[in-house]
Protein backbone atom coordinates (compact mmCIF):
# COMPACT_ATOMS: atom_id res chain seq x y z
CA MET A 1 8.59 10.42 -39.25
CA LEU A 2 9.05 12.70 -36.28
CA SER A 3 8.41 16.39 -36.29
CA PRO A 4 11.55 18.59 -36.12
CA ARG A 5 10.19 19.66 -32.74
CA LYS A 6 10.54 16.16 -31.26
CA ASP A 7 13.97 14.76 -30.54
CA PRO A 8 14.20 11.19 -31.88
CA LYS A 9 16.15 10.25 -28.72
CA GLY A 10 13.29 11.51 -26.51
CA GLY A 11 11.97 14.86 -25.34
CA LEU A 12 11.65 18.07 -27.32
CA THR A 13 14.23 19.92 -29.36
CA SER A 14 14.92 23.59 -28.73
CA ALA A 15 12.56 24.33 -31.65
CA GLY A 16 9.86 22.27 -29.92
CA ARG A 17 10.33 24.15 -26.64
CA ALA A 18 10.20 27.49 -28.52
CA PHE A 19 7.00 26.41 -30.31
CA TYR A 20 5.40 25.42 -26.99
CA LYS A 21 6.41 28.74 -25.44
CA ALA A 22 4.87 30.67 -28.35
CA ALA A 23 1.67 28.61 -28.11
CA THR A 24 1.21 28.63 -24.33
CA GLY A 25 3.65 31.11 -22.79
CA ALA A 26 5.27 28.35 -20.72
CA ASN A 27 9.05 28.29 -20.40
CA LEU A 28 10.10 24.65 -20.79
CA LYS A 29 13.68 23.75 -19.98
CA PRO A 30 15.59 20.75 -21.33
CA GLY A 31 15.78 17.67 -19.12
CA VAL A 32 18.48 17.29 -16.47
CA GLN A 33 20.93 14.94 -18.22
CA GLY A 34 23.68 14.45 -15.65
CA ALA A 35 23.71 13.97 -11.92
CA ALA A 36 21.06 15.78 -9.91
CA ASP A 37 23.68 17.47 -7.75
CA THR A 38 22.01 20.82 -7.07
CA PRO A 39 18.71 21.55 -5.33
CA GLU A 40 17.10 22.77 -8.57
CA LYS A 41 18.21 19.67 -10.49
CA LYS A 42 16.91 17.39 -7.71
CA ARG A 43 13.57 19.18 -7.71
CA ARG A 44 13.17 19.15 -11.50
CA LYS A 45 14.34 15.58 -12.11
CA GLY A 46 12.45 14.26 -9.08
CA SER A 47 9.26 15.97 -10.17
CA PHE A 48 9.56 14.66 -13.73
CA LEU A 49 10.28 11.06 -12.76
CA THR A 50 7.52 11.00 -10.15
CA ARG A 51 4.89 12.54 -12.46
CA PHE A 52 5.67 10.46 -15.52
CA TYR A 53 6.38 7.06 -14.02
CA THR A 54 4.26 6.67 -10.86
CA ASN A 55 1.20 5.88 -12.99
CA PRO A 56 2.43 5.75 -16.60
CA SER A 57 -0.21 6.63 -19.16
CA GLY A 58 0.29 4.23 -22.02
CA PRO A 59 2.53 1.49 -23.28
CA LEU A 60 6.31 1.60 -22.93
CA VAL A 61 7.13 -0.55 -25.95
CA LYS A 62 5.63 -0.48 -29.45
CA PRO A 63 4.51 -3.76 -31.05
CA SER A 64 7.72 -3.60 -33.11
CA GLY A 65 9.73 -3.72 -29.86
CA GLU A 66 10.90 -0.09 -30.05
CA PRO A 67 10.41 2.20 -27.03
CA THR A 68 7.48 4.62 -27.14
CA ARG A 69 7.78 8.37 -26.61
CA LEU A 70 6.83 7.79 -22.95
CA ALA A 71 9.82 5.50 -22.49
CA LEU A 72 12.13 7.76 -24.51
CA ALA A 73 11.28 10.69 -22.25
CA ALA A 74 13.37 9.03 -19.53
CA ARG A 75 16.36 9.06 -21.88
CA ALA A 76 15.94 12.79 -22.39
CA TRP A 77 16.48 13.10 -18.62
CA GLY A 78 19.57 10.87 -18.56
CA GLU A 79 17.81 7.70 -17.39
CA PRO A 80 17.46 4.35 -19.17
CA ALA A 81 14.22 3.85 -21.10
CA PRO A 82 11.91 1.65 -19.01
CA LYS A 83 10.73 -1.58 -20.63
CA ASN A 84 8.09 -2.68 -18.10
CA ARG A 85 6.12 -1.54 -15.06
CA GLN A 86 8.86 -2.66 -12.65
CA ASP A 87 11.29 -0.31 -14.41
CA THR A 88 8.80 2.57 -14.13
CA ALA A 89 8.33 1.84 -10.42
CA LYS A 90 12.11 2.10 -9.93
CA LEU A 91 12.21 5.42 -11.80
CA ALA A 92 9.29 6.78 -9.75
CA ALA A 93 11.02 5.71 -6.51
CA LYS A 94 14.23 7.39 -7.66
CA GLY A 95 12.24 10.57 -8.34
CA ARG A 96 10.67 10.48 -4.87
CA GLY A 97 14.19 10.08 -3.44
CA PHE A 98 15.33 13.21 -5.30
CA LEU A 99 12.33 15.16 -3.97
CA GLU A 100 12.95 13.96 -0.40
CA SER A 101 16.60 14.99 -0.70
CA TYR A 102 15.52 18.38 -2.05
CA GLN A 103 13.07 18.88 0.84
CA ALA A 104 15.72 17.85 3.40
CA GLY A 105 18.07 20.46 2.00
CA LYS A 106 15.42 23.19 2.38
CA ARG A 107 14.87 22.60 6.11
CA PRO A 108 16.55 25.03 8.51
CA ALA A 109 19.66 23.65 10.22
CA SER A 110 17.94 23.66 13.64
CA ARG A 111 15.18 21.31 12.40
CA ARG A 112 17.38 18.67 10.75
């Protein structure tokens, strides 16, 4: 049984984010669900995908065949849950692409 702070579809609920803020002072935001069409969304989604899926820390599928919390985290960010290391490599590459796009948008017009 999951805690009411953990969303069964992946990620944290608003109660989970509030609990974390009370415990640590950090201000967590929900995952970017839709298209990463703004610089902030590109930065946030790119950072998440790169951090979580470049070198995933743990299994992606439980022995019962269900996705683990690590895999479900991708769903909380609007991505399909990865089933194997090839899927995580694709997600990490997509994240690096978002970060490169974000960095390109930050450069002054004269340097593009």
